[in-house]
C-alpha atoms as a PDB file:
ATOM      1  CA  UNK A   1       0.100  -0.077   0.475  1.00  0.00           C
ATOM      2  CA  UNK A   2       3.007   2.647   0.456  1.00  0.00           C
ATOM      3  CA  UNK A   3       4.047   1.805  -2.841  1.00  0.00           C
ATOM      4  CA  UNK A   4       0.776   2.834  -4.133  1.00  0.00           C
ATOM      5  CA  UNK A   5       0.297   5.742  -1.990  1.00  0.00           C
ATOM      6  CA  UNK A   6       4.180   7.029  -2.529  1.00  0.00           C
ATOM      7  CA  UNK A   7       3.225   6.701  -6.662  1.00  0.00           C
ATOM      8  CA  UNK A   8       0.527   8.882  -6.062  1.00  0.00           C
ATOM      9  CA  UNK A   9       1.867  12.093  -4.614  1.00  0.00           C
ATOM     10  CA  UNK A  10       4.201  11.584  -7.118  1.00  0.00           C
ATOM     11  CA  UNK A  11       1.194  12.764  -9.550  1.00  0.00           C
ATOM     12  CA  UNK A  12       0.490  15.153  -6.628  1.00  0.00           C
ATOM     13  CA  UNK A  13       3.959  16.796  -6.771  1.00  0.00           C
ATOM     14  CA  UNK A  14       3.528  16.707 -10.721  1.00  0.00           C
ATOM     15  CA  UNK A  15       0.661  18.781 -10.582  1.00  0.00           C
ATOM     16  CA  UNK A  16       1.462  22.501 -10.530  1.00  0.00           C
ATOM     17  CA  UNK A  17       4.286  22.012 -13.195  1.00  0.00           C
ATOM     18  CA  UNK A  18       1.559  20.318 -15.628  1.00  0.00           C
ATOM     19  CA  UNK A  19      -0.453  23.435 -14.763  1.00  0.00           C
ATOM     20  CA  UNK A  20       2.078  25.711 -15.405  1.00  0.00           C
ATOM     21  CA  UNK A  21       3.211  24.316 -18.651  1.00  0.00           C
ATOM     22  CA  UNK A  22      -0.055  23.578 -20.391  1.00  0.00           C
ATOM     23  CA  UNK A  23      -0.008  24.979 -24.201  1.00  0.00           C
ATOM     24  CA  UNK A  24       3.727  25.795 -24.613  1.00  0.00           C
ATOM     25  CA  UNK A  25       6.344  24.790 -26.383  1.00  0.00           C
ATOM     26  CA  UNK A  26      10.013  22.838 -25.084  1.00  0.00           C
ATOM     27  CA  UNK A  27      12.043  22.264 -27.659  1.00  0.00           C
ATOM     28  CA  UNK A  28      14.711  19.392 -27.641  1.00  0.00           C
ATOM     29  CA  UNK A  29      17.143  18.227 -28.887  1.00  0.00           C
ATOM     30  CA  UNK A  30      18.728  14.180 -29.155  1.00  0.00           C
ATOM     31  CA  UNK A  31      21.100  12.664 -30.816  1.00  0.00           C
ATOM     32  CA  UNK A  32      24.644  11.353 -30.505  1.00  0.00           C
ATOM     33  CA  UNK A  33      25.397   7.663 -29.109  1.00  0.00           C
ATOM     34  CA  UNK A  34      22.430   8.027 -26.824  1.00  0.00           C
ATOM     35  CA  UNK A  35      20.276   8.254 -29.993  1.00  0.00           C
ATOM     36  CA  UNK A  36      21.095   4.993 -31.197  1.00  0.00           C
ATOM     37  CA  UNK A  37      20.428   3.328 -27.766  1.00  0.00           C
ATOM     38  CA  UNK A  38      16.884   1.388 -28.412  1.00  0.00           C
ATOM     39  CA  UNK A  39      16.043   1.380 -24.424  1.00  0.00           C
ATOM     40  CA  UNK A  40      16.541   4.547 -24.186  1.00  0.00           C
ATOM     41  CA  UNK A  41      15.387   5.954 -27.024  1.00  0.00           C
ATOM     42  CA  UNK A  42      12.169   4.412 -25.724  1.00  0.00           C
ATOM     43  CA  UNK A  43      12.900   6.020 -22.280  1.00  0.00           C
ATOM     44  CA  UNK A  44      12.949   9.341 -24.084  1.00  0.00           C
ATOM     45  CA  UNK A  45       9.715   8.891 -26.749  1.00  0.00           C
ATOM     46  CA  UNK A  46       7.129   7.473 -23.872  1.00  0.00           C
ATOM     47  CA  UNK A  47       8.785  10.793 -21.857  1.00  0.00           C
ATOM     48  CA  UNK A  48       8.355  12.417 -24.562  1.00  0.00           C
ATOM     49  CA  UNK A  49       4.394  10.875 -25.768  1.00  0.00           C
ATOM     50  CA  UNK A  50       3.293  12.039 -21.778  1.00  0.00           C
ATOM     51  CA  UNK A  51       4.659  15.699 -22.605  1.00  0.00           C
ATOM     52  CA  UNK A  52       1.803  15.641 -25.673  1.00  0.00           C
ATOM     53  CA  UNK A  53      -0.943  14.272 -23.368  1.00  0.00           C
ATOM     54  CA  UNK A  54      -0.734  16.824 -20.501  1.00  0.00           C
ATOM     55  CA  UNK A  55      -0.975  19.501 -22.979  1.00  0.00           C
ATOM     56  CA  UNK A  56       3.060  19.909 -23.391  1.00  0.00           C
ATOM     57  CA  UNK A  57       3.718  20.961 -27.413  1.00  0.00           C
ATOM     58  CA  UNK A  58       6.709  19.577 -28.353  1.00  0.00           C
ATOM     59  CA  UNK A  59       9.431  19.454 -30.784  1.00  0.00           C
ATOM     60  CA  UNK A  60      12.244  17.259 -31.156  1.00  0.00           C
ATOM     61  CA  UNK A  61      15.313  17.520 -32.577  1.00  0.00           C
ATOM     62  CA  UNK A  62      17.347  14.840 -33.744  1.00  0.00           C
ATOM     63  CA  UNK A  63      20.852  14.046 -34.532  1.00  0.00           C
ATOM     64  CA  UNK A  64      22.518  11.241 -36.494  1.00  0.00           C
ATOM     65  CA  UNK A  65      26.087  11.499 -35.961  1.00  0.00           C
ATOM     66  CA  UNK A  66      27.330   8.361 -35.571  1.00  0.00           C
ATOM     67  CA  UNK A  67      25.026   6.192 -38.382  1.00  0.00           C
ATOM     68  CA  UNK A  68      26.376   9.097 -40.775  1.00  0.00           C
ATOM     69  CA  UNK A  69      29.756   7.778 -39.585  1.00  0.00           C
ATOM     70  CA  UNK A  70      29.678   4.574 -39.786  1.00  0.00           C
ATOM     71  CA  UNK A  71      27.539   4.701 -42.735  1.00  0.00           C
ATOM     72  CA  UNK A  72      30.493   6.691 -44.459  1.00  0.00           C
ATOM     73  CA  UNK A  73      32.750   3.893 -43.232  1.00  0.00           C
ATOM     74  CA  UNK A  74      30.665   1.201 -45.293  1.00  0.00           C
ATOM     75  CA  UNK A  75      31.013   3.075 -48.220  1.00  0.00           C
ATOM     76  CA  UNK A  76      34.410   3.441 -47.647  1.00  0.00           C
ATOM     77  CA  UNK A  77      34.303   7.116 -47.297  1.00  0.00           C
ATOM     78  CA  UNK A  78      35.971   8.600 -44.592  1.00  0.00           C
ATOM     79  CA  UNK A  79      34.536  11.500 -42.251  1.00  0.00           C
ATOM     80  CA  UNK A  80      36.328  15.035 -42.166  1.00  0.00           C
ATOM     81  CA  UNK A  81      36.059  17.500 -39.643  1.00  0.00           C
ATOM     82  CA  UNK A  82      37.048  21.169 -38.698  1.00  0.00           C
ATOM     83  CA  UNK A  83      35.797  22.717 -35.581  1.00  0.00           C
ATOM     84  CA  UNK A  84      33.611  20.058 -34.261  1.00  0.00           C
ATOM     85  CA  UNK A  85      31.507  20.411 -37.675  1.00  0.00           C
ATOM     86  CA  UNK A  86      31.476  17.446 -40.853  1.00  0.00           C
ATOM     87  CA  UNK A  87      33.051  18.821 -43.893  1.00  0.00           C
ATOM     88  CA  UNK A  88      30.071  17.871 -46.122  1.00  0.00           C
ATOM     89  CA  UNK A  89      30.822  16.830 -49.996  1.00  0.00           C
ATOM     90  CA  UNK A  90      28.058  16.399 -52.334  1.00  0.00           C
ATOM     91  CA  UNK A  91      28.430  12.336 -51.778  1.00  0.00           C
ATOM     92  CA  UNK A  92      28.516  12.602 -48.269  1.00  0.00           C
ATOM     93  CA  UNK A  93      25.126  15.095 -48.461  1.00  0.00           C
ATOM     94  CA  UNK A  94      23.768  12.269 -49.913  1.00  0.00           C
ATOM     95  CA  UNK A  95      24.141   9.983 -47.215  1.00  0.00           C
ATOM     96  CA  UNK A  96      23.676  12.752 -44.630  1.00  0.00           C
ATOM     97  CA  UNK A  97      20.024  13.196 -46.129  1.00  0.00           C
ATOM     98  CA  UNK A  98      19.529   9.125 -46.621  1.00  0.00           C
ATOM     99  CA  UNK A  99      20.547   8.336 -42.972  1.00  0.00           C
ATOM    100  CA  UNK A 100      18.541  10.981 -41.202  1.00  0.00           C
ATOM    101  CA  UNK A 101      15.349  10.225 -43.261  1.00  0.00           C
ATOM    102  CA  UNK A 102      15.582   7.129 -41.942  1.00  0.00           C
ATOM    103  CA  UNK A 103      16.567   7.833 -38.697  1.00  0.00           C
ATOM    104  CA  UNK A 104      13.124  10.494 -38.663  1.00  0.00           C
ATOM    105  CA  UNK A 105      10.998   7.099 -40.188  1.00  0.00           C
ATOM    106  CA  UNK A 106      12.124   5.538 -37.237  1.00  0.00           C
ATOM    107  CA  UNK A 107      11.848   7.722 -34.391  1.00  0.00           C
ATOM    108  CA  UNK A 108       8.082   8.545 -35.920  1.00  0.00           C
ATOM    109  CA  UNK A 109       7.240   4.963 -36.094  1.00  0.00           C
ATOM    110  CA  UNK A 110       8.646   4.596 -32.484  1.00  0.00           C
ATOM    111  CA  UNK A 111       6.428   7.466 -31.290  1.00  0.00           C
ATOM    112  CA  UNK A 112       2.911   5.869 -33.148  1.00  0.00           C
ATOM    113  CA  UNK A 113       3.670   2.761 -31.224  1.00  0.00           C
ATOM    114  CA  UNK A 114       3.102   4.311 -27.796  1.00  0.00           C
ATOM    115  CA  UNK A 115       0.111   6.179 -29.269  1.00  0.00           C
ATOM    116  CA  UNK A 116       1.419   9.355 -29.941  1.00  0.00           C
ATOM    117  CA  UNK A 117       0.292  12.116 -32.680  1.00  0.00           C
ATOM    118  CA  UNK A 118       3.654  12.703 -34.288  1.00  0.00           C
ATOM    119  CA  UNK A 119       4.704  14.175 -37.493  1.00  0.00           C
ATOM    120  CA  UNK A 120       8.073  13.319 -39.089  1.00  0.00           C
ATOM    121  CA  UNK A 121       9.970  17.114 -40.868  1.00  0.00           C
ATOM    122  CA  UNK A 122      12.661  15.625 -43.013  1.00  0.00           C
ATOM    123  CA  UNK A 123      14.359  18.446 -44.121  1.00  0.00           C
ATOM    124  CA  UNK A 124      12.554  19.397 -48.188  1.00  0.00           C
ATOM    125  CA  UNK A 125       9.628  20.589 -46.344  1.00  0.00           C
ATOM    126  CA  UNK A 126      11.411  24.054 -46.476  1.00  0.00           C
ATOM    127  CA  UNK A 127      11.022  24.954 -42.420  1.00  0.00           C
ATOM    128  CA  UNK A 128      14.788  25.735 -41.903  1.00  0.00           C
ATOM    129  CA  UNK A 129      16.310  28.733 -44.493  1.00  0.00           C
ATOM    130  CA  UNK A 130      20.129  28.792 -44.333  1.00  0.00           C
ATOM    131  CA  UNK A 131      22.902  30.513 -45.919  1.00  0.00           C
ATOM    132  CA  UNK A 132      26.287  28.034 -46.436  1.00  0.00           C
ATOM    133  CA  UNK A 133      28.538  28.330 -43.388  1.00  0.00           C
ATOM    134  CA  UNK A 134      31.551  30.292 -43.511  1.00  0.00           C
ATOM    135  CA  UNK A 135      34.548  28.965 -41.661  1.00  0.00           C
ATOM    136  CA  UNK A 136      38.375  29.003 -42.387  1.00  0.00           C
ATOM    137  CA  UNK A 137      37.832  25.993 -44.215  1.00  0.00           C
ATOM    138  CA  UNK A 138      35.361  25.005 -46.919  1.00  0.00           C
ATOM    139  CA  UNK A 139      32.884  22.883 -45.240  1.00  0.00           C
ATOM    140  CA  UNK A 140      30.963  22.225 -48.247  1.00  0.00           C
ATOM    141  CA  UNK A 141      27.066  21.509 -47.962  1.00  0.00           C
ATOM    142  CA  UNK A 142      27.170  22.865 -44.619  1.00  0.00           C
ATOM    143  CA  UNK A 143      24.660  25.517 -43.891  1.00  0.00           C
ATOM    144  CA  UNK A 144      23.752  28.103 -41.098  1.00  0.00           C
ATOM    145  CA  UNK A 145      20.464  28.692 -39.978  1.00  0.00           C
ATOM    146  CA  UNK A 146      18.896  32.061 -41.371  1.00  0.00           C
ATOM    147  CA  UNK A 147      15.455  31.365 -40.677  1.00  0.00           C
ATOM    148  CA  UNK A 148      12.794  28.937 -39.862  1.00  0.00           C
ATOM    149  CA  UNK A 149       9.067  28.858 -41.130  1.00  0.00           C
ATOM    150  CA  UNK A 150       7.490  29.330 -38.009  1.00  0.00           C
ATOM    151  CA  UNK A 151       3.992  29.026 -39.450  1.00  0.00           C
ATOM    152  CA  UNK A 152       4.206  25.576 -40.943  1.00  0.00           C
ATOM    153  CA  UNK A 153       5.848  24.317 -37.060  1.00  0.00           C
ATOM    154  CA  UNK A 154       2.809  25.834 -35.406  1.00  0.00           C
ATOM    155  CA  UNK A 155       0.479  24.173 -37.830  1.00  0.00           C
ATOM    156  CA  UNK A 156       1.488  20.965 -36.129  1.00  0.00           C
ATOM    157  CA  UNK A 157       1.450  21.551 -32.989  1.00  0.00           C
ATOM    158  CA  UNK A 158      -1.828  22.979 -33.279  1.00  0.00           C
ATOM    159  CA  UNK A 159      -3.274  19.331 -34.442  1.00  0.00           C
ATOM    160  CA  UNK A 160      -1.303  18.267 -31.482  1.00  0.00           C
ATOM    161  CA  UNK A 161       1.166  16.359 -32.916  1.00  0.00           C
ATOM    162  CA  UNK A 162       4.744  15.768 -31.376  1.00  0.00           C
ATOM    163  CA  UNK A 163       6.876  17.117 -34.510  1.00  0.00           C
ATOM    164  CA  UNK A 164      10.093  15.166 -34.238  1.00  0.00           C
ATOM    165  CA  UNK A 165      12.685  17.330 -37.221  1.00  0.00           C
ATOM    166  CA  UNK A 166      15.587  16.023 -38.881  1.00  0.00           C
ATOM    167  CA  UNK A 167      18.565  18.994 -39.103  1.00  0.00           C
ATOM    168  CA  UNK A 168      18.819  19.727 -42.542  1.00  0.00           C
ATOM    169  CA  UNK A 169      18.171  23.080 -44.513  1.00  0.00           C
ATOM    170  CA  UNK A 170      17.423  24.499 -47.647  1.00  0.00           C
ATOM    171  CA  UNK A 171      19.004  27.582 -49.009  1.00  0.00           C
ATOM    172  CA  UNK A 172      17.750  30.224 -51.124  1.00  0.00           C
ATOM    173  CA  UNK A 173      18.874  28.440 -54.341  1.00  0.00           C
ATOM    174  CA  UNK A 174      16.633  25.494 -53.144  1.00  0.00           C
ATOM    175  CA  UNK A 175      19.974  23.307 -52.130  1.00  0.00           C
ATOM    176  CA  UNK A 176      19.908  21.119 -49.150  1.00  0.00           C
ATOM    177  CA  UNK A 177      22.386  22.133 -46.593  1.00  0.00           C
ATOM    178  CA  UNK A 178      23.537  19.980 -43.472  1.00  0.00           C
ATOM    179  CA  UNK A 179      23.043  21.783 -40.583  1.00  0.00           C
ATOM    180  CA  UNK A 180      24.095  21.222 -36.771  1.00  0.00           C
ATOM    181  CA  UNK A 181      21.266  20.324 -34.469  1.00  0.00           C
ATOM    182  CA  UNK A 182      21.936  22.269 -31.602  1.00  0.00           C
ATOM    183  CA  UNK A 183      22.223  25.004 -33.695  1.00  0.00           C
ATOM    184  CA  UNK A 184      18.626  24.359 -35.324  1.00  0.00           C
ATOM    185  CA  UNK A 185      16.950  23.456 -31.560  1.00  0.00           C
ATOM    186  CA  UNK A 186      18.258  26.873 -30.814  1.00  0.00           C
ATOM    187  CA  UNK A 187      16.739  28.697 -33.722  1.00  0.00           C
ATOM    188  CA  UNK A 188      13.589  26.809 -33.712  1.00  0.00           C
ATOM    189  CA  UNK A 189      13.288  27.669 -29.942  1.00  0.00           C
ATOM    190  CA  UNK A 190      13.590  31.759 -30.510  1.00  0.00           C
ATOM    191  CA  UNK A 191      11.328  31.616 -33.375  1.00  0.00           C
ATOM    192  CA  UNK A 192       8.893  29.518 -31.491  1.00  0.00           C
ATOM    193  CA  UNK A 193       9.621  31.849 -28.402  1.00  0.00           C
ATOM    194  CA  UNK A 194       9.689  28.261 -26.110  1.00  0.00           C
ATOM    195  CA  UNK A 195       9.097  27.513 -22.762  1.00  0.00           C
ATOM    196  CA  UNK A 196      12.679  25.155 -22.913  1.00  0.00           C
ATOM    197  CA  UNK A 197      15.359  24.355 -24.692  1.00  0.00           C
ATOM    198  CA  UNK A 198      16.349  21.216 -23.613  1.00  0.00           C
ATOM    199  CA  UNK A 199      19.585  19.655 -24.460  1.00  0.00           C
ATOM    200  CA  UNK A 200      19.322  15.411 -23.866  1.00  0.00           C
ATOM    201  CA  UNK A 201      23.191  13.770 -23.312  1.00  0.00           C
ATOM    202  CA  UNK A 202      24.907  11.212 -22.209  1.00  0.00           C
ATOM    203  CA  UNK A 203      26.582  13.161 -18.753  1.00  0.00           C
ATOM    204  CA  UNK A 204      24.013  13.968 -15.609  1.00  0.00           C
ATOM    205  CA  UNK A 205      24.810  17.313 -16.336  1.00  0.00           C
ATOM    206  CA  UNK A 206      27.498  20.188 -15.543  1.00  0.00           C
ATOM    207  CA  UNK A 207      29.426  19.021 -13.158  1.00  0.00           C
ATOM    208  CA  UNK A 208      32.022  20.356 -10.293  1.00  0.00           C
ATOM    209  CA  UNK A 209      33.760  17.866 -10.458  1.00  0.00           C
ATOM    210  CA  UNK A 210      33.246  15.168 -13.427  1.00  0.00           C
ATOM    211  CA  UNK A 211      34.805  12.558 -11.028  1.00  0.00           C
ATOM    212  CA  UNK A 212      32.778  13.488  -8.061  1.00  0.00           C
ATOM    213  CA  UNK A 213      28.830  12.434  -8.899  1.00  0.00           C
ATOM    214  CA  UNK A 214      27.676  13.932  -6.129  1.00  0.00           C
ATOM    215  CA  UNK A 215      28.810  17.561  -7.296  1.00  0.00           C
ATOM    216  CA  UNK A 216      25.998  18.301 -10.023  1.00  0.00           C
ATOM    217  CA  UNK A 217      25.076  22.068 -10.268  1.00  0.00           C
ATOM    218  CA  UNK A 218      21.029  21.349  -9.970  1.00  0.00           C
ATOM    219  CA  UNK A 219      21.071  25.443 -11.283  1.00  0.00           C
ATOM    220  CA  UNK A 220      23.502  28.038 -13.070  1.00  0.00           C
ATOM    221  CA  UNK A 221      22.979  31.475 -15.136  1.00  0.00           C
ATOM    222  CA  UNK A 222      25.018  32.984 -17.634  1.00  0.00           C
ATOM    223  CA  UNK A 223      27.752  34.706 -15.348  1.00  0.00           C
ATOM    224  CA  UNK A 224      28.185  31.430 -13.731  1.00  0.00           C
ATOM    225  CA  UNK A 225      28.839  29.940 -16.743  1.00  0.00           C
ATOM    226  CA  UNK A 226      31.662  32.302 -17.794  1.00  0.00           C
ATOM    227  CA  UNK A 227      33.385  32.157 -14.579  1.00  0.00           C
ATOM    228  CA  UNK A 228      33.448  27.932 -14.294  1.00  0.00           C
ATOM    229  CA  UNK A 229      34.343  28.362 -18.261  1.00  0.00           C
ATOM    230  CA  UNK A 230      37.182  30.341 -17.490  1.00  0.00           C
ATOM    231  CA  UNK A 231      38.301  27.822 -14.358  1.00  0.00           C
ATOM    232  CA  UNK A 232      37.625  24.526 -16.766  1.00  0.00           C
ATOM    233  CA  UNK A 233      35.320  23.584 -14.625  1.00  0.00           C
ATOM    234  CA  UNK A 234      32.968  23.629 -17.587  1.00  0.00           C
ATOM    235  CA  UNK A 235      35.014  21.738 -20.750  1.00  0.00           C
ATOM    236  CA  UNK A 236      35.430  20.159 -23.996  1.00  0.00           C
ATOM    237  CA  UNK A 237      32.431  18.806 -25.250  1.00  0.00           C
ATOM    238  CA  UNK A 238      30.419  20.837 -22.977  1.00  0.00           C
ATOM    239  CA  UNK A 239      31.288  24.500 -23.669  1.00  0.00           C
ATOM    240  CA  UNK A 240      28.964  24.514 -26.867  1.00  0.00           C
ATOM    241  CA  UNK A 241      26.238  22.517 -24.743  1.00  0.00           C
ATOM    242  CA  UNK A 242      26.583  25.569 -22.778  1.00  0.00           C
ATOM    243  CA  UNK A 243      26.782  28.140 -25.305  1.00  0.00           C
ATOM    244  CA  UNK A 244      23.595  26.764 -26.923  1.00  0.00           C
ATOM    245  CA  UNK A 245      22.068  27.528 -24.013  1.00  0.00           C
ATOM    246  CA  UNK A 246      23.004  30.814 -23.300  1.00  0.00           C
ATOM    247  CA  UNK A 247      22.222  31.978 -27.222  1.00  0.00           C
ATOM    248  CA  UNK A 248      19.277  30.774 -26.651  1.00  0.00           C
ATOM    249  CA  UNK A 249      18.042  32.493 -23.374  1.00  0.00           C
ATOM    250  CA  UNK A 250      19.306  35.750 -25.030  1.00  0.00           C
ATOM    251  CA  UNK A 251      17.077  35.380 -28.017  1.00  0.00           C
ATOM    252  CA  UNK A 252      14.316  34.830 -25.344  1.00  0.00           C
ATOM    253  CA  UNK A 253      14.015  31.357 -24.236  1.00  0.00           C
ATOM    254  CA  UNK A 254      12.858  30.853 -20.783  1.00  0.00           C
ATOM    255  CA  UNK A 255      14.087  28.486 -19.295  1.00  0.00           C
ATOM    256  CA  UNK A 256      17.265  26.029 -20.821  1.00  0.00           C
ATOM    257  CA  UNK A 257      18.033  22.648 -19.363  1.00  0.00           C
ATOM    258  CA  UNK A 258      21.161  19.505 -19.879  1.00  0.00           C
ATOM    259  CA  UNK A 259      19.784  16.511 -19.015  1.00  0.00           C
ATOM    260  CA  UNK A 260      21.659  12.999 -19.070  1.00  0.00           C
ATOM    261  CA  UNK A 261      18.911  10.920 -21.216  1.00  0.00           C
ATOM    262  CA  UNK A 262      20.089   7.166 -19.699  1.00  0.00           C
ATOM    263  CA  UNK A 263      18.182   8.261 -16.410  1.00  0.00           C
ATOM    264  CA  UNK A 264      15.070   6.110 -16.875  1.00  0.00           C
ATOM    265  CA  UNK A 265      12.281   8.521 -17.332  1.00  0.00           C
ATOM    266  CA  UNK A 266      14.386  12.033 -17.116  1.00  0.00           C
ATOM    267  CA  UNK A 267      12.346  14.398 -19.046  1.00  0.00           C
ATOM    268  CA  UNK A 268       9.641  13.785 -16.435  1.00  0.00           C
ATOM    269  CA  UNK A 269      12.300  13.772 -13.577  1.00  0.00           C
ATOM    270  CA  UNK A 270      13.224  17.503 -14.198  1.00  0.00           C
ATOM    271  CA  UNK A 271      10.263  18.807 -15.519  1.00  0.00           C
ATOM    272  CA  UNK A 272       7.710  17.819 -13.047  1.00  0.00           C
ATOM    273  CA  UNK A 273       9.630  17.056  -9.790  1.00  0.00           C
ATOM    274  CA  UNK A 274      10.983  20.169  -7.361  1.00  0.00           C
ATOM    275  CA  UNK A 275      14.324  19.222  -7.648  1.00  0.00           C
ATOM    276  CA  UNK A 276      14.660  17.889 -10.855  1.00  0.00           C
ATOM    277  CA  UNK A 277      18.101  15.593 -12.312  1.00  0.00           C
ATOM    278  CA  UNK A 278      20.013  17.904 -14.929  1.00  0.00           C
ATOM    279  CA  UNK A 279      21.508  21.127 -14.841  1.00  0.00           C
ATOM    280  CA  UNK A 280      18.704  24.330 -15.529  1.00  0.00           C
ATOM    281  CA  UNK A 281      20.629  27.082 -17.228  1.00  0.00           C
ATOM    282  CA  UNK A 282      18.351  30.584 -16.760  1.00  0.00           C
ATOM    283  CA  UNK A 283      19.528  33.874 -17.980  1.00  0.00           C
ATOM    284  CA  UNK A 284      20.133  35.597 -14.333  1.00  0.00           C
END
């Protein structure tokens, strides 16, 4: 009986959060090796279907880097990166398009299996508008976001559909471009005035000491992040994640989160409990 009562208390704890977030938009970015893990993916998608059922609009931007790299290796092609961005020639671009479409179909099918209403957008719908990304080296067909067709996204969301988006963009001359998924998620969150931008990762969040699992920092401000970067507490792959969060906050997104997708029902625990389980980042 105590276990049953405990479950009821968890639901009661969630009520004010559900009330606060109903009809609001969450943009969630999901990629890397955690996207390729069947059990983690099912847990994440179950949480997203739950968000939909309680009236929260959700856009899921998925990556696909490991799948693209594996496919290129099969084709005898070498994956090349410059400043963390995949160099995308014509042959690579075709593989990127095909692999992202496969992943998009897979995620959409799994959400349907979980009884979620869902729309998959693969890039050719001309929702993410881009121009060729400038860098110290020619990156090929890599774009940087110039604008988002938010009206089309809003149509899907108003139908109550979870919207699953591949990070592909179209330039003014109708040329498809590969786009960084974090950038797409941040641009959509800004354009759609999202309540939250959430980056799913395979680490707990921002840690004061990566070797100490009890050193998770549950809440940070932009100023605190700047200081932690200077102190090398935030370094490596966490820097672009927190920078995406800062960019979103500066463009009007209310709150950002870095959440460990490996924790079962991580999204529900982060959004609907008093403490959360990841790092939330606020403007100040």
